[in-house]
C-alpha cells in the first residue's frame, strides 16, 4: 500500500512511496532516487525492514520521549541526503513491544543499522552529532555515519577518539610513550 506522497527534491513531483517494495523508490518524472522513510510495527517489520536490499536505519522511539523527537528530524534529513542508499524505518516501541524485545532495547531512542536483516551497528540514546560525513567507508563506532568534531582530525574512534586517548590526543604516536 502506498504511503504519504513525497515530493521529489530534484523536480518537485509528488510520488507515493510504498513502505515495502523491491529495489529503491525513484521519482516517476525524473527517475532520481527518493528518500525512503516508513513506519513499521510488530506485524509489518519483516516486510518493511528485514527484506530490504539496502541498509536500513531503524529508529526505536516513543511519542512521549523528548530525545526521540530531537533525533527524528536529523534521521529524516539523513534519509533525504542518502536517498537510494538507505531506508529509514521508524518503530514506535509503545505499540511494538516484540521488536523492542527482539533488539534488546532498554532505552530509547535506540538506533540500529540493519544489513540483510542483521544488526550491523547500534546507538542507544540521543548522541550529539556535530557533523556527518557522507561517503566514508571507514568503520566508526557511530552507527549512522562518520562523525567528526569541527576543527579536529578524527582518528579511528570518530568524535570520541580524542576522549579515548586522553591528554596525549594531539601528539604523534611516538611521543605518547
N, C-alpha and C. Protein backbone atom coordinates (compact mmCIF):
# COMPACT_ATOMS: atom_id res chain seq x y z
N UNK A 1 0.84 -1.18 0.00
CA UNK A 1 0.00 0.00 0.00
C UNK A 1 0.89 1.25 0.00
N UNK A 2 0.64 2.17 -0.89
CA UNK A 2 1.46 3.38 -0.98
C UNK A 2 1.34 4.23 0.27
N UNK A 3 2.44 4.88 0.64
CA UNK A 3 2.46 5.76 1.80
C UNK A 3 2.06 7.17 1.43
N UNK A 4 2.43 8.09 2.30
CA UNK A 4 2.16 9.50 2.06
C UNK A 4 2.96 9.99 0.86
N UNK A 5 2.42 10.95 0.12
CA UNK A 5 3.18 11.47 -1.03
C UNK A 5 4.48 12.14 -0.59
N UNK A 6 5.54 11.88 -1.33
CA UNK A 6 6.84 12.50 -1.07
C UNK A 6 7.17 13.34 -2.28
N UNK A 7 7.54 14.59 -2.05
CA UNK A 7 7.91 15.48 -3.13
C UNK A 7 9.35 15.24 -3.51
N UNK A 8 9.58 15.04 -4.80
CA UNK A 8 10.93 14.81 -5.30
C UNK A 8 11.77 16.06 -5.07
N UNK A 9 12.95 15.92 -4.43
CA UNK A 9 13.78 17.09 -4.21
C UNK A 9 14.41 17.64 -5.49
N UNK A 10 14.38 16.86 -6.58
CA UNK A 10 15.00 17.28 -7.83
C UNK A 10 14.04 18.02 -8.75
N UNK A 11 12.81 17.49 -8.89
CA UNK A 11 11.87 18.11 -9.84
C UNK A 11 10.57 18.60 -9.20
N UNK A 12 10.33 18.24 -7.93
CA UNK A 12 9.13 18.71 -7.25
C UNK A 12 7.91 17.83 -7.45
N UNK A 13 8.00 16.79 -8.24
CA UNK A 13 6.87 15.88 -8.50
C UNK A 13 6.48 15.14 -7.21
N UNK A 14 5.18 15.05 -6.93
CA UNK A 14 4.69 14.27 -5.79
C UNK A 14 4.66 12.79 -6.19
N UNK A 15 5.22 11.93 -5.34
CA UNK A 15 5.29 10.50 -5.59
C UNK A 15 4.80 9.75 -4.35
N UNK A 16 4.10 8.66 -4.55
CA UNK A 16 3.72 7.79 -3.44
C UNK A 16 4.77 6.71 -3.33
N UNK A 17 5.34 6.56 -2.13
CA UNK A 17 6.40 5.58 -1.90
C UNK A 17 5.86 4.50 -0.97
N UNK A 18 5.81 3.26 -1.43
CA UNK A 18 5.32 2.18 -0.57
C UNK A 18 6.32 1.88 0.54
N UNK A 19 5.82 1.39 1.67
CA UNK A 19 6.69 1.05 2.79
C UNK A 19 7.60 -0.13 2.45
N UNK A 20 7.07 -1.08 1.70
CA UNK A 20 7.86 -2.26 1.30
C UNK A 20 7.76 -2.42 -0.21
N UNK A 21 8.91 -2.61 -0.84
CA UNK A 21 8.96 -2.79 -2.29
C UNK A 21 10.32 -3.37 -2.66
N UNK A 22 10.39 -3.98 -3.82
CA UNK A 22 11.67 -4.46 -4.34
C UNK A 22 12.45 -3.26 -4.87
N UNK A 23 13.74 -3.25 -4.68
CA UNK A 23 14.56 -2.15 -5.18
C UNK A 23 14.47 -0.93 -4.29
N UNK A 24 14.63 0.24 -4.89
CA UNK A 24 14.54 1.51 -4.16
C UNK A 24 13.59 2.44 -4.89
N UNK A 25 12.92 3.34 -4.17
CA UNK A 25 11.96 4.23 -4.84
C UNK A 25 12.65 5.29 -5.70
N UNK A 26 12.04 5.55 -6.84
CA UNK A 26 12.54 6.58 -7.75
C UNK A 26 11.37 7.46 -8.18
N UNK A 27 11.67 8.69 -8.51
CA UNK A 27 10.66 9.64 -8.96
C UNK A 27 10.08 9.17 -10.29
N UNK A 28 8.77 9.25 -10.41
CA UNK A 28 8.11 8.86 -11.64
C UNK A 28 8.38 9.82 -12.79
N UNK A 29 8.78 11.04 -12.48
CA UNK A 29 9.02 12.06 -13.50
C UNK A 29 10.49 12.09 -13.94
N UNK A 30 11.41 12.30 -12.99
CA UNK A 30 12.82 12.49 -13.35
C UNK A 30 13.68 11.25 -13.06
N UNK A 31 13.11 10.25 -12.43
CA UNK A 31 13.76 8.96 -12.14
C UNK A 31 14.94 9.05 -11.18
N UNK A 32 15.02 10.14 -10.42
CA UNK A 32 16.05 10.27 -9.39
C UNK A 32 15.60 9.50 -8.14
N UNK A 33 16.55 9.03 -7.29
CA UNK A 33 16.17 8.31 -6.07
C UNK A 33 15.40 9.21 -5.11
N UNK A 34 14.43 8.61 -4.44
CA UNK A 34 13.62 9.33 -3.45
C UNK A 34 14.00 8.86 -2.05
N UNK A 35 13.83 9.73 -1.04
CA UNK A 35 14.05 9.28 0.33
C UNK A 35 13.02 8.21 0.69
N UNK A 36 13.46 7.21 1.45
CA UNK A 36 12.57 6.11 1.81
C UNK A 36 12.43 6.09 3.31
N UNK A 37 11.31 6.61 3.79
CA UNK A 37 11.01 6.69 5.21
C UNK A 37 9.68 5.99 5.43
N UNK A 38 9.69 5.00 6.34
CA UNK A 38 8.49 4.20 6.57
C UNK A 38 8.30 3.93 8.05
N UNK A 39 7.07 3.73 8.45
CA UNK A 39 6.73 3.29 9.80
C UNK A 39 6.51 1.79 9.76
N UNK A 40 6.89 1.11 10.84
CA UNK A 40 6.69 -0.33 10.92
C UNK A 40 6.25 -0.68 12.34
N UNK A 41 5.62 -1.85 12.46
CA UNK A 41 5.24 -2.37 13.76
C UNK A 41 5.58 -3.85 13.82
N UNK A 42 5.13 -4.52 14.87
CA UNK A 42 5.47 -5.94 15.05
C UNK A 42 5.07 -6.80 13.86
N UNK A 43 3.96 -6.48 13.22
CA UNK A 43 3.47 -7.33 12.13
C UNK A 43 4.06 -6.98 10.77
N UNK A 44 4.46 -5.74 10.56
CA UNK A 44 4.94 -5.32 9.24
C UNK A 44 6.45 -5.21 9.13
N UNK A 45 7.17 -5.31 10.23
CA UNK A 45 8.62 -5.09 10.23
C UNK A 45 9.36 -6.02 9.29
N UNK A 46 8.98 -7.29 9.24
CA UNK A 46 9.66 -8.25 8.37
C UNK A 46 9.62 -7.84 6.91
N UNK A 47 8.45 -7.41 6.44
CA UNK A 47 8.31 -7.00 5.04
C UNK A 47 9.00 -5.67 4.77
N UNK A 48 8.94 -4.75 5.73
CA UNK A 48 9.45 -3.40 5.51
C UNK A 48 10.96 -3.30 5.71
N UNK A 49 11.48 -3.90 6.77
CA UNK A 49 12.89 -3.72 7.10
C UNK A 49 13.75 -4.95 6.83
N UNK A 50 13.33 -6.11 7.31
CA UNK A 50 14.16 -7.31 7.16
C UNK A 50 14.39 -7.68 5.70
N UNK A 51 13.40 -7.44 4.86
CA UNK A 51 13.50 -7.83 3.45
C UNK A 51 14.16 -6.78 2.56
N UNK A 52 14.54 -5.65 3.13
CA UNK A 52 15.14 -4.57 2.33
C UNK A 52 16.49 -4.99 1.76
N UNK A 53 16.76 -4.53 0.55
CA UNK A 53 18.02 -4.86 -0.12
C UNK A 53 19.11 -3.81 0.12
N UNK A 54 18.75 -2.69 0.74
CA UNK A 54 19.72 -1.65 1.08
C UNK A 54 19.80 -1.56 2.61
N UNK A 55 20.85 -0.93 3.14
CA UNK A 55 20.93 -0.78 4.61
C UNK A 55 19.70 -0.04 5.15
N UNK A 56 19.26 -0.48 6.32
CA UNK A 56 18.08 0.10 6.96
C UNK A 56 18.48 0.72 8.28
N UNK A 57 18.14 1.98 8.47
CA UNK A 57 18.31 2.64 9.76
C UNK A 57 16.99 2.48 10.49
N UNK A 58 17.02 1.82 11.65
CA UNK A 58 15.81 1.60 12.44
C UNK A 58 15.85 2.55 13.62
N UNK A 59 14.80 3.32 13.78
CA UNK A 59 14.65 4.27 14.89
C UNK A 59 13.60 3.72 15.83
N UNK A 60 14.03 3.19 17.00
CA UNK A 60 13.10 2.73 18.02
C UNK A 60 12.81 3.94 18.91
N UNK A 61 11.58 4.41 18.91
CA UNK A 61 11.23 5.67 19.55
C UNK A 61 9.87 5.56 20.24
N UNK A 62 9.48 6.61 20.94
CA UNK A 62 8.15 6.73 21.54
C UNK A 62 7.73 8.19 21.46
N UNK A 63 6.43 8.43 21.30
CA UNK A 63 5.97 9.82 21.13
C UNK A 63 6.19 10.69 22.37
N UNK A 64 6.27 10.12 23.55
CA UNK A 64 6.44 10.88 24.78
C UNK A 64 7.91 11.19 25.08
N UNK A 65 8.83 10.64 24.28
CA UNK A 65 10.27 10.75 24.54
C UNK A 65 10.84 12.01 23.89
N UNK A 66 11.30 12.95 24.70
CA UNK A 66 11.88 14.19 24.19
C UNK A 66 13.09 13.98 23.32
N UNK A 67 14.10 13.19 23.78
CA UNK A 67 15.26 12.95 22.92
C UNK A 67 14.90 12.28 21.59
N UNK A 68 13.87 11.43 21.60
CA UNK A 68 13.44 10.79 20.35
C UNK A 68 12.94 11.85 19.36
N UNK A 69 12.21 12.82 19.87
CA UNK A 69 11.68 13.88 19.00
C UNK A 69 12.80 14.78 18.49
N UNK A 70 13.90 14.88 19.25
CA UNK A 70 15.04 15.69 18.79
C UNK A 70 15.83 14.96 17.72
N UNK A 71 15.95 13.64 17.82
CA UNK A 71 16.74 12.85 16.87
C UNK A 71 16.00 12.66 15.54
N UNK A 72 14.69 12.59 15.60
CA UNK A 72 13.89 12.28 14.41
C UNK A 72 14.16 13.19 13.21
N UNK A 73 14.19 14.52 13.37
CA UNK A 73 14.45 15.37 12.19
C UNK A 73 15.83 15.12 11.58
N UNK A 74 16.83 14.84 12.41
CA UNK A 74 18.17 14.57 11.89
C UNK A 74 18.19 13.27 11.09
N UNK A 75 17.46 12.26 11.56
CA UNK A 75 17.39 10.99 10.84
C UNK A 75 16.66 11.16 9.51
N UNK A 76 15.59 11.94 9.53
CA UNK A 76 14.85 12.17 8.28
C UNK A 76 15.71 12.93 7.28
N UNK A 77 16.51 13.88 7.75
CA UNK A 77 17.42 14.60 6.86
C UNK A 77 18.48 13.66 6.31
N UNK A 78 18.98 12.77 7.15
CA UNK A 78 19.96 11.78 6.69
C UNK A 78 19.36 10.89 5.61
N UNK A 79 18.11 10.48 5.80
CA UNK A 79 17.43 9.65 4.79
C UNK A 79 17.26 10.42 3.48
N UNK A 80 17.00 11.73 3.57
CA UNK A 80 16.89 12.54 2.35
C UNK A 80 18.25 12.70 1.68
N UNK A 81 19.30 12.93 2.48
CA UNK A 81 20.64 13.10 1.93
C UNK A 81 21.16 11.82 1.28
N UNK A 82 20.77 10.67 1.82
CA UNK A 82 21.24 9.38 1.32
C UNK A 82 20.15 8.63 0.57
N UNK A 83 19.28 9.38 -0.11
CA UNK A 83 18.18 8.77 -0.87
C UNK A 83 18.73 7.74 -1.85
N UNK A 84 18.11 6.57 -1.87
CA UNK A 84 18.55 5.50 -2.74
C UNK A 84 19.64 4.63 -2.14
N UNK A 85 20.23 5.06 -1.03
CA UNK A 85 21.30 4.32 -0.38
C UNK A 85 20.89 3.72 0.95
N UNK A 86 19.92 4.34 1.65
CA UNK A 86 19.44 3.84 2.94
C UNK A 86 17.93 3.97 3.01
N UNK A 87 17.35 3.20 3.92
CA UNK A 87 15.93 3.27 4.21
C UNK A 87 15.80 3.55 5.70
N UNK A 88 14.96 4.50 6.07
CA UNK A 88 14.70 4.82 7.47
C UNK A 88 13.38 4.19 7.87
N UNK A 89 13.42 3.36 8.90
CA UNK A 89 12.21 2.71 9.41
C UNK A 89 12.02 3.14 10.85
N UNK A 90 10.89 3.75 11.13
CA UNK A 90 10.58 4.24 12.46
C UNK A 90 9.62 3.26 13.15
N UNK A 91 9.97 2.86 14.37
CA UNK A 91 9.18 1.89 15.13
C UNK A 91 8.81 2.51 16.48
N UNK A 92 7.52 2.70 16.71
CA UNK A 92 7.02 3.19 18.00
C UNK A 92 7.03 2.01 18.97
N UNK A 93 7.90 2.06 19.97
CA UNK A 93 8.06 0.93 20.89
C UNK A 93 6.83 0.71 21.77
N UNK A 94 6.00 1.73 21.95
CA UNK A 94 4.79 1.57 22.75
C UNK A 94 3.79 0.64 22.08
N UNK A 95 3.76 0.61 20.76
CA UNK A 95 2.83 -0.26 20.04
C UNK A 95 3.52 -1.49 19.44
N UNK A 96 4.85 -1.60 19.62
CA UNK A 96 5.60 -2.73 19.06
C UNK A 96 6.54 -3.33 20.10
N UNK A 97 6.01 -3.91 21.17
CA UNK A 97 6.87 -4.44 22.22
C UNK A 97 7.73 -5.62 21.78
N UNK A 98 7.27 -6.41 20.82
CA UNK A 98 8.06 -7.56 20.37
C UNK A 98 9.35 -7.11 19.69
N UNK A 99 9.30 -6.02 18.94
CA UNK A 99 10.52 -5.52 18.30
C UNK A 99 11.49 -4.96 19.34
N UNK A 100 10.96 -4.33 20.37
CA UNK A 100 11.82 -3.86 21.46
C UNK A 100 12.55 -5.03 22.10
N UNK A 101 11.84 -6.13 22.31
CA UNK A 101 12.45 -7.32 22.87
C UNK A 101 13.46 -7.94 21.91
N UNK A 102 13.08 -8.04 20.65
CA UNK A 102 13.97 -8.64 19.65
C UNK A 102 15.33 -7.96 19.63
N UNK A 103 15.33 -6.63 19.70
CA UNK A 103 16.57 -5.88 19.60
C UNK A 103 17.15 -5.51 20.96
N UNK A 104 16.52 -5.96 22.04
CA UNK A 104 17.04 -5.70 23.38
C UNK A 104 17.10 -4.23 23.72
N UNK A 105 16.11 -3.48 23.29
CA UNK A 105 16.09 -2.04 23.54
C UNK A 105 15.69 -1.79 24.99
N UNK A 106 16.63 -1.29 25.78
CA UNK A 106 16.35 -0.98 27.18
C UNK A 106 16.22 0.52 27.40
N UNK A 107 16.54 1.29 26.40
CA UNK A 107 16.40 2.75 26.47
C UNK A 107 16.07 3.24 25.07
N UNK A 108 15.44 4.39 25.01
CA UNK A 108 15.14 5.00 23.72
C UNK A 108 15.64 6.43 23.72
N UNK A 109 15.97 6.96 22.58
CA UNK A 109 15.94 6.31 21.28
C UNK A 109 17.05 5.27 21.16
N UNK A 110 16.76 4.21 20.45
CA UNK A 110 17.75 3.22 20.06
C UNK A 110 17.77 3.21 18.55
N UNK A 111 18.95 3.40 17.99
CA UNK A 111 19.12 3.43 16.54
C UNK A 111 19.92 2.20 16.13
N UNK A 112 19.45 1.53 15.09
CA UNK A 112 20.11 0.33 14.58
C UNK A 112 20.36 0.49 13.10
N UNK A 113 21.40 -0.13 12.62
CA UNK A 113 21.61 -0.26 11.18
C UNK A 113 21.51 -1.74 10.87
N UNK A 114 20.58 -2.10 10.00
CA UNK A 114 20.39 -3.48 9.59
C UNK A 114 20.92 -3.67 8.18
N UNK A 115 21.62 -4.77 7.99
CA UNK A 115 22.06 -5.19 6.65
C UNK A 115 21.63 -6.63 6.50
N UNK A 116 20.76 -6.90 5.57
CA UNK A 116 20.25 -8.26 5.37
C UNK A 116 19.48 -8.76 6.58
N UNK A 117 18.81 -7.88 7.29
CA UNK A 117 18.02 -8.26 8.46
C UNK A 117 18.83 -8.44 9.72
N UNK A 118 20.17 -8.27 9.67
CA UNK A 118 21.03 -8.45 10.83
C UNK A 118 21.55 -7.09 11.30
N UNK A 119 21.68 -6.94 12.62
CA UNK A 119 22.17 -5.69 13.19
C UNK A 119 23.65 -5.53 12.88
N UNK A 120 23.97 -4.47 12.16
CA UNK A 120 25.36 -4.17 11.81
C UNK A 120 25.95 -3.13 12.75
N UNK A 121 25.10 -2.27 13.33
CA UNK A 121 25.56 -1.23 14.25
C UNK A 121 24.40 -0.80 15.13
N UNK A 122 24.73 -0.21 16.27
CA UNK A 122 23.71 0.17 17.25
C UNK A 122 24.15 1.42 18.00
N UNK A 123 23.21 2.30 18.31
CA UNK A 123 23.44 3.50 19.12
C UNK A 123 22.25 3.65 20.04
N UNK A 124 22.49 3.68 21.34
CA UNK A 124 21.42 3.89 22.30
C UNK A 124 21.55 5.29 22.85
N UNK A 125 20.45 6.00 22.91
CA UNK A 125 20.44 7.36 23.42
C UNK A 125 20.65 8.37 22.30
N UNK A 126 20.35 9.61 22.64
CA UNK A 126 20.49 10.70 21.68
C UNK A 126 21.89 11.26 21.78
N UNK A 127 22.80 10.78 20.94
CA UNK A 127 24.17 11.27 20.92
C UNK A 127 24.20 12.61 20.22
N UNK A 128 25.17 13.41 20.57
CA UNK A 128 25.33 14.70 19.92
C UNK A 128 26.22 14.51 18.71
N UNK A 129 25.67 14.76 17.53
CA UNK A 129 26.40 14.54 16.28
C UNK A 129 26.61 15.87 15.60
N UNK A 130 27.79 16.47 15.75
CA UNK A 130 28.01 17.79 15.18
C UNK A 130 28.01 17.83 13.67
N UNK A 131 28.54 16.79 13.01
CA UNK A 131 28.61 16.83 11.56
C UNK A 131 28.72 15.40 11.04
N UNK A 132 27.94 15.07 10.06
CA UNK A 132 28.01 13.74 9.45
C UNK A 132 28.74 13.86 8.12
N UNK A 133 29.69 13.00 7.91
CA UNK A 133 30.43 12.96 6.66
C UNK A 133 29.85 11.89 5.77
N UNK A 134 29.43 12.22 4.60
CA UNK A 134 28.89 11.24 3.66
C UNK A 134 30.01 10.57 2.88
N UNK A 135 29.76 9.35 2.49
CA UNK A 135 30.67 8.67 1.60
C UNK A 135 31.85 8.01 2.29
N UNK A 136 31.92 8.06 3.61
CA UNK A 136 33.04 7.44 4.29
C UNK A 136 32.89 5.93 4.30
N UNK A 137 33.97 5.21 4.06
CA UNK A 137 33.92 3.76 4.08
C UNK A 137 34.62 3.19 5.31
N UNK A 138 35.25 4.05 6.11
CA UNK A 138 35.93 3.58 7.32
C UNK A 138 34.91 3.16 8.36
N UNK A 139 35.30 2.18 9.18
CA UNK A 139 34.45 1.76 10.28
C UNK A 139 34.52 2.81 11.37
N UNK A 140 33.41 3.07 12.02
CA UNK A 140 33.33 4.04 13.09
C UNK A 140 32.42 3.48 14.16
N UNK A 141 32.60 3.86 15.43
CA UNK A 141 31.69 3.40 16.45
C UNK A 141 30.30 4.01 16.30
N UNK A 142 30.18 5.06 15.52
CA UNK A 142 28.89 5.68 15.28
C UNK A 142 28.14 4.88 14.24
N UNK A 143 26.87 4.50 14.50
CA UNK A 143 26.19 3.59 13.60
C UNK A 143 25.71 4.19 12.29
N UNK A 144 25.63 5.50 12.20
CA UNK A 144 25.00 6.07 11.02
C UNK A 144 25.97 6.67 10.02
N UNK A 145 27.01 7.28 10.48
CA UNK A 145 27.93 7.94 9.55
C UNK A 145 29.23 8.25 10.28
N UNK A 146 30.24 8.60 9.51
CA UNK A 146 31.50 9.03 10.11
C UNK A 146 31.24 10.40 10.72
N UNK A 147 31.55 10.57 11.99
CA UNK A 147 31.27 11.82 12.69
C UNK A 147 32.58 12.43 13.14
N UNK A 148 32.72 13.69 12.88
CA UNK A 148 33.92 14.40 13.28
C UNK A 148 33.54 15.70 13.95
N UNK A 149 34.34 16.10 14.91
CA UNK A 149 34.14 17.41 15.52
C UNK A 149 34.71 18.48 14.59
N UNK A 150 34.04 19.60 14.46
CA UNK A 150 34.61 20.67 13.64
C UNK A 150 35.97 21.10 14.18
N UNK A 151 36.94 21.23 13.29
CA UNK A 151 38.25 21.70 13.68
C UNK A 151 39.17 20.65 14.25
N UNK A 152 38.72 19.41 14.33
CA UNK A 152 39.58 18.35 14.85
C UNK A 152 39.68 17.23 13.83
N UNK A 153 40.83 16.59 13.82
CA UNK A 153 41.03 15.45 12.94
C UNK A 153 40.58 14.21 13.70
N UNK A 154 39.62 13.48 13.15
CA UNK A 154 39.12 12.29 13.82
C UNK A 154 40.00 11.10 13.50
N UNK A 155 40.28 10.30 14.48
CA UNK A 155 41.04 9.06 14.29
C UNK A 155 40.05 7.92 14.11
N UNK A 156 40.47 6.74 14.50
CA UNK A 156 39.62 5.57 14.33
C UNK A 156 38.31 5.71 15.09
N UNK A 157 38.29 6.43 16.18
CA UNK A 157 37.12 6.48 17.03
C UNK A 157 36.14 7.58 16.72
N UNK A 158 36.24 8.26 15.60
CA UNK A 158 35.29 9.31 15.26
C UNK A 158 35.34 10.43 16.27
N UNK A 159 34.18 10.95 16.68
CA UNK A 159 34.15 12.10 17.57
C UNK A 159 34.60 11.76 18.98
N UNK A 160 34.64 10.49 19.35
CA UNK A 160 35.03 10.11 20.70
C UNK A 160 36.51 9.76 20.78
N UNK A 161 37.21 9.84 19.68
CA UNK A 161 38.60 9.38 19.62
C UNK A 161 39.50 10.17 20.56
N UNK A 162 39.40 11.49 20.59
CA UNK A 162 40.30 12.27 21.43
C UNK A 162 40.03 12.02 22.91
N UNK A 163 38.78 11.74 23.26
CA UNK A 163 38.47 11.44 24.66
C UNK A 163 39.07 10.10 25.05
N UNK A 164 39.03 9.13 24.17
CA UNK A 164 39.53 7.79 24.47
C UNK A 164 41.04 7.80 24.65
N UNK A 165 41.76 8.68 23.94
CA UNK A 165 43.21 8.69 24.02
C UNK A 165 43.72 9.60 25.14
N UNK A 166 42.86 10.41 25.73
CA UNK A 166 43.26 11.24 26.86
C UNK A 166 44.02 12.48 26.46
N UNK A 167 44.88 12.95 27.41
CA UNK A 167 45.57 14.22 27.23
C UNK A 167 46.58 14.23 26.09
N UNK A 168 47.04 13.06 25.64
CA UNK A 168 48.03 12.97 24.58
C UNK A 168 47.41 12.90 23.21
N UNK A 169 46.15 13.24 23.07
CA UNK A 169 45.41 13.04 21.83
C UNK A 169 46.06 13.74 20.64
N UNK A 170 46.66 14.90 20.83
CA UNK A 170 47.20 15.63 19.70
C UNK A 170 48.65 15.26 19.36
N UNK A 171 49.25 14.41 20.16
CA UNK A 171 50.67 14.07 19.94
C UNK A 171 50.80 12.91 18.97
N UNK A 172 51.91 12.87 18.22
CA UNK A 172 52.18 11.71 17.38
C UNK A 172 52.35 10.47 18.26
N UNK A 173 52.11 9.31 17.70
CA UNK A 173 52.16 8.05 18.45
C UNK A 173 53.51 7.89 19.17
N UNK A 174 54.61 8.20 18.52
CA UNK A 174 55.93 8.04 19.12
C UNK A 174 56.12 8.92 20.36
N UNK A 175 55.44 10.06 20.42
CA UNK A 175 55.61 10.98 21.55
C UNK A 175 54.71 10.64 22.73
N UNK A 176 53.83 9.68 22.58
CA UNK A 176 52.89 9.35 23.66
C UNK A 176 53.48 8.41 24.70
N UNK A 177 54.64 7.89 24.48
CA UNK A 177 55.22 6.88 25.39
C UNK A 177 55.72 7.46 26.66
